[in-house]
PDB file of N, CA and C in Angstrom:
ATOM      1  N   UNK A   1     -23.301 -45.538  25.979  1.00  0.00           N
ATOM      2  CA  UNK A   1     -23.407 -46.497  27.092  1.00  0.00           C
ATOM      3  C   UNK A   1     -23.472 -45.454  28.058  1.00  0.00           C
ATOM      4  N   UNK A   2     -24.688 -45.844  28.761  1.00  0.00           N
ATOM      5  CA  UNK A   2     -25.529 -45.075  29.801  1.00  0.00           C
ATOM      6  C   UNK A   2     -24.721 -45.647  31.059  1.00  0.00           C
ATOM      7  N   UNK A   3     -24.890 -44.505  31.472  1.00  0.00           N
ATOM      8  CA  UNK A   3     -23.771 -44.575  33.313  1.00  0.00           C
ATOM      9  C   UNK A   3     -24.847 -45.255  34.291  1.00  0.00           C
ATOM     10  N   UNK A   4     -24.368 -46.241  35.000  1.00  0.00           N
ATOM     11  CA  UNK A   4     -25.008 -46.348  35.799  1.00  0.00           C
ATOM     12  C   UNK A   4     -25.152 -45.871  37.169  1.00  0.00           C
ATOM     13  N   UNK A   5     -26.082 -45.360  37.648  1.00  0.00           N
ATOM     14  CA  UNK A   5     -26.249 -44.655  39.160  1.00  0.00           C
ATOM     15  C   UNK A   5     -25.910 -45.295  40.321  1.00  0.00           C
ATOM     16  N   UNK A   6     -24.702 -44.442  40.791  1.00  0.00           N
ATOM     17  CA  UNK A   6     -24.050 -45.563  42.331  1.00  0.00           C
ATOM     18  C   UNK A   6     -24.237 -45.017  43.251  1.00  0.00           C
ATOM     19  N   UNK A   7     -24.970 -45.348  44.590  1.00  0.00           N
ATOM     20  CA  UNK A   7     -25.504 -44.771  45.740  1.00  0.00           C
ATOM     21  C   UNK A   7     -24.108 -44.812  46.406  1.00  0.00           C
ATOM     22  N   UNK A   8     -23.614 -44.075  46.764  1.00  0.00           N
ATOM     23  CA  UNK A   8     -22.792 -43.965  48.213  1.00  0.00           C
ATOM     24  C   UNK A   8     -23.146 -43.575  49.220  1.00  0.00           C
ATOM     25  N   UNK A   9     -23.051 -43.739  50.499  1.00  0.00           N
ATOM     26  CA  UNK A   9     -23.370 -43.059  51.756  1.00  0.00           C
ATOM     27  C   UNK A   9     -22.827 -42.503  51.952  1.00  0.00           C
ATOM     28  N   UNK A  10     -23.538 -41.143  53.032  1.00  0.00           N
ATOM     29  CA  UNK A  10     -22.572 -40.733  53.661  1.00  0.00           C
ATOM     30  C   UNK A  10     -21.561 -40.276  54.446  1.00  0.00           C
ATOM     31  N   UNK A  11     -21.589 -41.518  55.129  1.00  0.00           N
ATOM     32  CA  UNK A  11     -20.834 -41.699  56.283  1.00  0.00           C
ATOM     33  C   UNK A  11     -19.266 -42.574  55.192  1.00  0.00           C
ATOM     34  N   UNK A  12     -19.427 -43.300  54.013  1.00  0.00           N
ATOM     35  CA  UNK A  12     -18.905 -43.514  53.516  1.00  0.00           C
ATOM     36  C   UNK A  12     -17.751 -42.139  52.653  1.00  0.00           C
ATOM     37  N   UNK A  13     -18.557 -41.379  52.388  1.00  0.00           N
ATOM     38  CA  UNK A  13     -18.514 -40.056  51.531  1.00  0.00           C
ATOM     39  C   UNK A  13     -17.546 -39.304  52.467  1.00  0.00           C
ATOM     40  N   UNK A  14     -17.842 -39.195  53.752  1.00  0.00           N
ATOM     41  CA  UNK A  14     -17.252 -38.395  54.850  1.00  0.00           C
ATOM     42  C   UNK A  14     -16.113 -39.335  54.435  1.00  0.00           C
ATOM     43  N   UNK A  15     -15.809 -40.522  55.244  1.00  0.00           N
ATOM     44  CA  UNK A  15     -14.894 -41.337  55.202  1.00  0.00           C
ATOM     45  C   UNK A  15     -13.452 -41.183  53.798  1.00  0.00           C
ATOM     46  N   UNK A  16     -14.368 -40.993  53.253  1.00  0.00           N
ATOM     47  CA  UNK A  16     -13.252 -40.673  51.663  1.00  0.00           C
ATOM     48  C   UNK A  16     -12.690 -39.807  52.225  1.00  0.00           C
ATOM     49  N   UNK A  17     -13.216 -38.454  51.838  1.00  0.00           N
ATOM     50  CA  UNK A  17     -12.765 -37.112  52.176  1.00  0.00           C
ATOM     51  C   UNK A  17     -11.161 -37.209  53.468  1.00  0.00           C
ATOM     52  N   UNK A  18     -11.367 -37.726  54.347  1.00  0.00           N
ATOM     53  CA  UNK A  18     -11.346 -37.846  55.843  1.00  0.00           C
ATOM     54  C   UNK A  18      -9.542 -38.082  54.830  1.00  0.00           C
ATOM     55  N   UNK A  19      -9.712 -39.666  54.665  1.00  0.00           N
ATOM     56  CA  UNK A  19      -9.074 -40.665  54.366  1.00  0.00           C
ATOM     57  C   UNK A  19      -7.751 -39.342  53.121  1.00  0.00           C
ATOM     58  N   UNK A  20      -8.732 -38.672  52.339  1.00  0.00           N
ATOM     59  CA  UNK A  20      -7.803 -37.735  51.330  1.00  0.00           C
ATOM     60  C   UNK A  20      -7.311 -37.091  51.833  1.00  0.00           C
ATOM     61  N   UNK A  21      -7.457 -36.198  53.156  1.00  0.00           N
ATOM     62  CA  UNK A  21      -7.192 -35.209  54.022  1.00  0.00           C
ATOM     63  C   UNK A  21      -5.607 -35.346  54.500  1.00  0.00           C
ATOM     64  N   UNK A  22      -5.969 -36.909  54.906  1.00  0.00           N
ATOM     65  CA  UNK A  22      -5.141 -37.177  55.948  1.00  0.00           C
ATOM     66  C   UNK A  22      -3.557 -37.491  54.552  1.00  0.00           C
ATOM     67  N   UNK A  23      -4.230 -38.320  53.361  1.00  0.00           N
ATOM     68  CA  UNK A  23      -2.652 -38.706  52.616  1.00  0.00           C
ATOM     69  C   UNK A  23      -2.177 -37.441  51.804  1.00  0.00           C
ATOM     70  N   UNK A  24      -2.900 -36.504  51.400  1.00  0.00           N
ATOM     71  CA  UNK A  24      -2.338 -35.418  50.146  1.00  0.00           C
ATOM     72  C   UNK A  24      -2.037 -33.965  50.688  1.00  0.00           C
ATOM     73  N   UNK A  25      -1.256 -33.188  49.999  1.00  0.00           N
ATOM     74  CA  UNK A  25      -0.785 -32.160  50.910  1.00  0.00           C
ATOM     75  C   UNK A  25      -1.855 -30.826  50.282  1.00  0.00           C
ATOM     76  N   UNK A  26      -2.122 -29.956  50.984  1.00  0.00           N
ATOM     77  CA  UNK A  26      -3.491 -29.308  50.735  1.00  0.00           C
ATOM     78  C   UNK A  26      -3.441 -28.606  49.749  1.00  0.00           C
ATOM     79  N   UNK A  27      -2.209 -28.559  48.823  1.00  0.00           N
ATOM     80  CA  UNK A  27      -2.468 -27.843  47.284  1.00  0.00           C
ATOM     81  C   UNK A  27      -3.290 -29.200  46.301  1.00  0.00           C
ATOM     82  N   UNK A  28      -3.013 -30.347  46.238  1.00  0.00           N
ATOM     83  CA  UNK A  28      -3.646 -31.617  45.569  1.00  0.00           C
ATOM     84  C   UNK A  28      -5.031 -31.423  46.396  1.00  0.00           C
ATOM     85  N   UNK A  29      -5.660 -31.168  47.518  1.00  0.00           N
ATOM     86  CA  UNK A  29      -6.620 -31.505  48.160  1.00  0.00           C
ATOM     87  C   UNK A  29      -7.612 -30.503  47.537  1.00  0.00           C
ATOM     88  N   UNK A  30      -6.831 -28.646  47.557  1.00  0.00           N
ATOM     89  CA  UNK A  30      -7.679 -27.808  46.776  1.00  0.00           C
ATOM     90  C   UNK A  30      -8.069 -28.560  45.250  1.00  0.00           C
ATOM     91  N   UNK A  31      -7.210 -28.958  44.653  1.00  0.00           N
ATOM     92  CA  UNK A  31      -7.469 -29.275  43.229  1.00  0.00           C
ATOM     93  C   UNK A  31      -8.414 -29.804  43.171  1.00  0.00           C
ATOM     94  N   UNK A  32      -8.662 -31.402  44.020  1.00  0.00           N
ATOM     95  CA  UNK A  32      -9.596 -31.946  44.236  1.00  0.00           C
ATOM     96  C   UNK A  32     -10.568 -31.479  44.426  1.00  0.00           C
ATOM     97  N   UNK A  33     -11.016 -30.736  45.183  1.00  0.00           N
ATOM     98  CA  UNK A  33     -12.473 -29.874  45.760  1.00  0.00           C
ATOM     99  C   UNK A  33     -12.672 -29.237  44.256  1.00  0.00           C
ATOM    100  N   UNK A  34     -11.585 -28.600  43.638  1.00  0.00           N
ATOM    101  CA  UNK A  34     -11.956 -27.759  42.499  1.00  0.00           C
ATOM    102  C   UNK A  34     -12.473 -28.316  41.201  1.00  0.00           C
ATOM    103  N   UNK A  35     -12.012 -29.948  41.200  1.00  0.00           N
ATOM    104  CA  UNK A  35     -12.483 -30.811  40.232  1.00  0.00           C
ATOM    105  C   UNK A  35     -13.998 -30.881  40.336  1.00  0.00           C
ATOM    106  N   UNK A  36     -13.964 -31.568  41.842  1.00  0.00           N
ATOM    107  CA  UNK A  36     -15.728 -31.682  42.386  1.00  0.00           C
ATOM    108  C   UNK A  36     -16.231 -30.928  42.099  1.00  0.00           C
ATOM    109  N   UNK A  37     -15.867 -29.525  42.944  1.00  0.00           N
ATOM    110  CA  UNK A  37     -16.827 -28.204  42.381  1.00  0.00           C
ATOM    111  C   UNK A  37     -17.548 -27.989  40.745  1.00  0.00           C
ATOM    112  N   UNK A  38     -16.560 -28.110  39.749  1.00  0.00           N
ATOM    113  CA  UNK A  38     -16.626 -28.182  38.291  1.00  0.00           C
ATOM    114  C   UNK A  38     -17.757 -28.923  38.275  1.00  0.00           C
ATOM    115  N   UNK A  39     -17.443 -29.866  38.592  1.00  0.00           N
ATOM    116  CA  UNK A  39     -18.360 -31.455  38.186  1.00  0.00           C
ATOM    117  C   UNK A  39     -19.870 -30.860  39.085  1.00  0.00           C
ATOM    118  N   UNK A  40     -19.939 -30.310  40.192  1.00  0.00           N
ATOM    119  CA  UNK A  40     -21.397 -29.884  40.614  1.00  0.00           C
ATOM    120  C   UNK A  40     -21.973 -28.986  40.124  1.00  0.00           C
ATOM    121  N   UNK A  41     -21.025 -28.016  39.209  1.00  0.00           N
ATOM    122  CA  UNK A  41     -22.088 -27.208  38.773  1.00  0.00           C
ATOM    123  C   UNK A  41     -22.164 -26.885  36.895  1.00  0.00           C
ATOM    124  N   UNK A  42     -21.705 -28.653  36.803  1.00  0.00           N
ATOM    125  CA  UNK A  42     -22.013 -28.906  35.341  1.00  0.00           C
ATOM    126  C   UNK A  42     -20.809 -28.295  34.672  1.00  0.00           C
ATOM    127  N   UNK A  43     -20.362 -28.484  34.862  1.00  0.00           N
ATOM    128  CA  UNK A  43     -18.700 -27.428  33.724  1.00  0.00           C
ATOM    129  C   UNK A  43     -17.724 -28.739  33.286  1.00  0.00           C
ATOM    130  N   UNK A  44     -17.696 -30.189  33.787  1.00  0.00           N
ATOM    131  CA  UNK A  44     -16.882 -31.189  33.696  1.00  0.00           C
ATOM    132  C   UNK A  44     -18.319 -32.469  33.784  1.00  0.00           C
ATOM    133  N   UNK A  45     -18.183 -33.103  32.821  1.00  0.00           N
ATOM    134  CA  UNK A  45     -18.815 -34.354  33.052  1.00  0.00           C
ATOM    135  C   UNK A  45     -18.155 -35.567  33.796  1.00  0.00           C
ATOM    136  N   UNK A  46     -18.277 -36.470  34.413  1.00  0.00           N
ATOM    137  CA  UNK A  46     -18.274 -37.609  35.078  1.00  0.00           C
ATOM    138  C   UNK A  46     -17.179 -37.735  34.714  1.00  0.00           C
ATOM    139  N   UNK A  47     -16.564 -37.942  33.203  1.00  0.00           N
ATOM    140  CA  UNK A  47     -15.483 -38.627  32.317  1.00  0.00           C
ATOM    141  C   UNK A  47     -14.411 -37.500  32.820  1.00  0.00           C
ATOM    142  N   UNK A  48     -14.906 -36.351  32.439  1.00  0.00           N
ATOM    143  CA  UNK A  48     -13.494 -35.427  32.897  1.00  0.00           C
ATOM    144  C   UNK A  48     -12.756 -35.588  34.211  1.00  0.00           C
ATOM    145  N   UNK A  49     -13.846 -35.464  34.816  1.00  0.00           N
ATOM    146  CA  UNK A  49     -14.046 -35.626  36.485  1.00  0.00           C
ATOM    147  C   UNK A  49     -12.579 -36.912  36.930  1.00  0.00           C
ATOM    148  N   UNK A  50     -13.100 -38.250  36.054  1.00  0.00           N
ATOM    149  CA  UNK A  50     -12.073 -39.569  36.466  1.00  0.00           C
ATOM    150  C   UNK A  50     -10.987 -39.140  35.891  1.00  0.00           C
ATOM    151  N   UNK A  51     -10.723 -38.584  34.670  1.00  0.00           N
ATOM    152  CA  UNK A  51      -9.715 -38.379  34.076  1.00  0.00           C
ATOM    153  C   UNK A  51      -8.626 -37.564  34.751  1.00  0.00           C
ATOM    154  N   UNK A  52      -9.189 -36.208  35.563  1.00  0.00           N
ATOM    155  CA  UNK A  52      -8.654 -35.418  36.336  1.00  0.00           C
ATOM    156  C   UNK A  52      -8.098 -35.969  37.435  1.00  0.00           C
ATOM    157  N   UNK A  53      -8.890 -36.963  38.466  1.00  0.00           N
ATOM    158  CA  UNK A  53      -8.767 -37.444  39.507  1.00  0.00           C
ATOM    159  C   UNK A  53      -7.508 -38.671  39.415  1.00  0.00           C
ATOM    160  N   UNK A  54      -7.451 -38.993  38.032  1.00  0.00           N
ATOM    161  CA  UNK A  54      -6.871 -40.597  37.793  1.00  0.00           C
ATOM    162  C   UNK A  54      -5.313 -39.532  37.963  1.00  0.00           C
ATOM    163  N   UNK A  55      -5.140 -38.551  37.273  1.00  0.00           N
ATOM    164  CA  UNK A  55      -4.004 -37.787  37.375  1.00  0.00           C
ATOM    165  C   UNK A  55      -3.462 -37.189  38.199  1.00  0.00           C
ATOM    166  N   UNK A  56      -4.529 -36.434  39.194  1.00  0.00           N
ATOM    167  CA  UNK A  56      -4.363 -36.267  40.506  1.00  0.00           C
ATOM    168  C   UNK A  56      -3.830 -37.730  41.616  1.00  0.00           C
ATOM    169  N   UNK A  57      -4.351 -38.344  41.659  1.00  0.00           N
ATOM    170  CA  UNK A  57      -4.074 -39.382  42.265  1.00  0.00           C
ATOM    171  C   UNK A  57      -2.846 -40.155  42.061  1.00  0.00           C
ATOM    172  N   UNK A  58      -2.104 -39.578  40.676  1.00  0.00           N
ATOM    173  CA  UNK A  58      -1.263 -40.557  40.397  1.00  0.00           C
ATOM    174  C   UNK A  58      -0.173 -41.259  41.063  1.00  0.00           C
ATOM    175  N   UNK A  59       0.298 -40.421  42.319  1.00  0.00           N
ATOM    176  CA  UNK A  59       0.942 -40.881  43.360  1.00  0.00           C
ATOM    177  C   UNK A  59       0.380 -41.908  44.743  1.00  0.00           C
ATOM    178  N   UNK A  60      -1.036 -41.853  44.253  1.00  0.00           N
ATOM    179  CA  UNK A  60      -2.316 -42.350  45.575  1.00  0.00           C
ATOM    180  C   UNK A  60      -2.691 -43.225  45.135  1.00  0.00           C
ATOM    181  N   UNK A  61      -2.080 -44.379  44.453  1.00  0.00           N
ATOM    182  CA  UNK A  61      -3.316 -45.528  44.198  1.00  0.00           C
ATOM    183  C   UNK A  61      -4.257 -46.137  45.076  1.00  0.00           C
ATOM    184  N   UNK A  62      -4.226 -46.062  46.407  1.00  0.00           N
ATOM    185  CA  UNK A  62      -5.230 -46.690  47.381  1.00  0.00           C
ATOM    186  C   UNK A  62      -6.418 -45.390  47.121  1.00  0.00           C
ATOM    187  N   UNK A  63      -5.911 -44.114  47.228  1.00  0.00           N
ATOM    188  CA  UNK A  63      -7.062 -42.986  46.997  1.00  0.00           C
ATOM    189  C   UNK A  63      -7.561 -43.370  45.864  1.00  0.00           C
ATOM    190  N   UNK A  64      -6.782 -43.860  44.787  1.00  0.00           N
ATOM    191  CA  UNK A  64      -7.662 -43.626  43.356  1.00  0.00           C
ATOM    192  C   UNK A  64      -8.719 -45.038  43.342  1.00  0.00           C
ATOM    193  N   UNK A  65      -8.215 -46.248  43.767  1.00  0.00           N
ATOM    194  CA  UNK A  65      -9.126 -47.300  44.503  1.00  0.00           C
ATOM    195  C   UNK A  65     -10.526 -46.515  44.893  1.00  0.00           C
ATOM    196  N   UNK A  66     -10.100 -46.382  45.768  1.00  0.00           N
ATOM    197  CA  UNK A  66     -11.792 -45.971  46.479  1.00  0.00           C
ATOM    198  C   UNK A  66     -12.425 -44.704  46.183  1.00  0.00           C
ATOM    199  N   UNK A  67     -11.857 -43.806  45.142  1.00  0.00           N
ATOM    200  CA  UNK A  67     -12.368 -43.214  44.588  1.00  0.00           C
ATOM    201  C   UNK A  67     -13.619 -43.711  43.310  1.00  0.00           C
ATOM    202  N   UNK A  68     -13.078 -44.944  42.601  1.00  0.00           N
ATOM    203  CA  UNK A  68     -13.528 -45.638  41.767  1.00  0.00           C
ATOM    204  C   UNK A  68     -15.210 -45.998  42.129  1.00  0.00           C
ATOM    205  N   UNK A  69     -15.047 -45.952  43.481  1.00  0.00           N
ATOM    206  CA  UNK A  69     -16.609 -46.227  43.910  1.00  0.00           C
ATOM    207  C   UNK A  69     -17.616 -45.556  43.973  1.00  0.00           C
ATOM    208  N   UNK A  70     -17.286 -44.460  43.708  1.00  0.00           N
ATOM    209  CA  UNK A  70     -18.221 -43.112  43.529  1.00  0.00           C
ATOM    210  C   UNK A  70     -18.333 -42.921  41.898  1.00  0.00           C
ATOM    211  N   UNK A  71     -17.926 -43.682  41.329  1.00  0.00           N
ATOM    212  CA  UNK A  71     -18.056 -43.577  39.413  1.00  0.00           C
ATOM    213  C   UNK A  71     -19.079 -44.744  38.922  1.00  0.00           C
ATOM    214  N   UNK A  72     -19.711 -44.010  38.033  1.00  0.00           N
ATOM    215  CA  UNK A  72     -20.696 -45.310  37.522  1.00  0.00           C
ATOM    216  C   UNK A  72     -19.760 -46.145  36.979  1.00  0.00           C
ATOM    217  N   UNK A  73     -19.765 -47.332  36.883  1.00  0.00           N
ATOM    218  CA  UNK A  73     -18.541 -48.455  36.684  1.00  0.00           C
ATOM    219  C   UNK A  73     -18.703 -48.305  35.003  1.00  0.00           C
ATOM    220  N   UNK A  74     -19.330 -48.238  34.158  1.00  0.00           N
ATOM    221  CA  UNK A  74     -19.177 -48.187  33.075  1.00  0.00           C
ATOM    222  C   UNK A  74     -17.919 -47.092  32.533  1.00  0.00           C
ATOM    223  N   UNK A  75     -17.854 -45.965  33.586  1.00  0.00           N
ATOM    224  CA  UNK A  75     -16.876 -44.888  33.257  1.00  0.00           C
ATOM    225  C   UNK A  75     -15.374 -45.562  33.116  1.00  0.00           C
ATOM    226  N   UNK A  76     -15.704 -46.108  34.269  1.00  0.00           N
ATOM    227  CA  UNK A  76     -13.937 -46.435  34.625  1.00  0.00           C
ATOM    228  C   UNK A  76     -13.604 -47.598  33.497  1.00  0.00           C
ATOM    229  N   UNK A  77     -14.987 -48.810  33.068  1.00  0.00           N
ATOM    230  CA  UNK A  77     -14.261 -49.644  31.945  1.00  0.00           C
ATOM    231  C   UNK A  77     -14.154 -49.080  30.563  1.00  0.00           C
ATOM    232  N   UNK A  78     -14.647 -47.635  30.353  1.00  0.00           N
ATOM    233  CA  UNK A  78     -14.652 -47.199  29.117  1.00  0.00           C
ATOM    234  C   UNK A  78     -13.006 -46.696  29.200  1.00  0.00           C
ATOM    235  N   UNK A  79     -12.439 -46.054  30.222  1.00  0.00           N
ATOM    236  CA  UNK A  79     -11.753 -45.706  30.045  1.00  0.00           C
ATOM    237  C   UNK A  79     -10.230 -46.960  30.212  1.00  0.00           C
ATOM    238  N   UNK A  80     -10.275 -47.791  30.845  1.00  0.00           N
ATOM    239  CA  UNK A  80      -9.389 -49.087  30.679  1.00  0.00           C
ATOM    240  C   UNK A  80      -9.122 -49.530  29.276  1.00  0.00           C
ATOM    241  N   UNK A  81     -10.953 -49.756  28.731  1.00  0.00           N
ATOM    242  CA  UNK A  81     -10.856 -49.994  27.375  1.00  0.00           C
ATOM    243  C   UNK A  81      -9.950 -49.051  26.501  1.00  0.00           C
ATOM    244  N   UNK A  82     -10.263 -47.817  26.572  1.00  0.00           N
ATOM    245  CA  UNK A  82      -9.174 -47.062  25.687  1.00  0.00           C
ATOM    246  C   UNK A  82      -7.708 -47.008  25.741  1.00  0.00           C
ATOM    247  N   UNK A  83      -7.181 -47.220  27.020  1.00  0.00           N
ATOM    248  CA  UNK A  83      -6.088 -47.451  27.497  1.00  0.00           C
ATOM    249  C   UNK A  83      -5.437 -49.168  26.657  1.00  0.00           C
ATOM    250  N   UNK A  84      -6.402 -50.122  26.794  1.00  0.00           N
ATOM    251  CA  UNK A  84      -5.949 -51.247  26.707  1.00  0.00           C
ATOM    252  C   UNK A  84      -5.551 -50.751  24.522  1.00  0.00           C
ATOM    253  N   UNK A  85      -6.856 -50.698  24.181  1.00  0.00           N
ATOM    254  CA  UNK A  85      -6.536 -50.292  23.028  1.00  0.00           C
ATOM    255  C   UNK A  85      -5.491 -49.420  22.622  1.00  0.00           C
ATOM    256  N   UNK A  86      -5.035 -48.378  23.372  1.00  0.00           N
ATOM    257  CA  UNK A  86      -3.530 -47.752  23.146  1.00  0.00           C
ATOM    258  C   UNK A  86      -2.820 -48.637  22.991  1.00  0.00           C
ATOM    259  N   UNK A  87      -2.685 -49.301  23.448  1.00  0.00           N
ATOM    260  CA  UNK A  87      -1.483 -50.152  23.882  1.00  0.00           C
ATOM    261  C   UNK A  87      -1.799 -51.715  22.744  1.00  0.00           C
ATOM    262  N   UNK A  88      -2.452 -51.194  22.076  1.00  0.00           N
ATOM    263  CA  UNK A  88      -2.662 -52.680  21.286  1.00  0.00           C
ATOM    264  C   UNK A  88      -2.759 -54.249  22.212  1.00  0.00           C
ATOM    265  N   UNK A  89      -3.824 -54.344  23.243  1.00  0.00           N
ATOM    266  CA  UNK A  89      -3.919 -55.138  24.106  1.00  0.00           C
ATOM    267  C   UNK A  89      -5.179 -55.870  24.023  1.00  0.00           C
TER     268      UNK A  89
END
């Protein structure tokens, strides 16, 4: 499944980072930056980043919803499909 390219504007990305900084503690923010740093250095692929961020934002569903805008739709759909398959839905 090929991932579609997502184009997010600079302002939208900055707004998201500001929102994250307001809602989470410094340690969680540090973890997020390390995840994104690993992705930018090609040590994590987009699926791994998505799964790590889902775990990291478990208590922040609004942030996770906002984060979805930065991902190729196919990654989110594939993850949801795998969860439905596990649940036999």
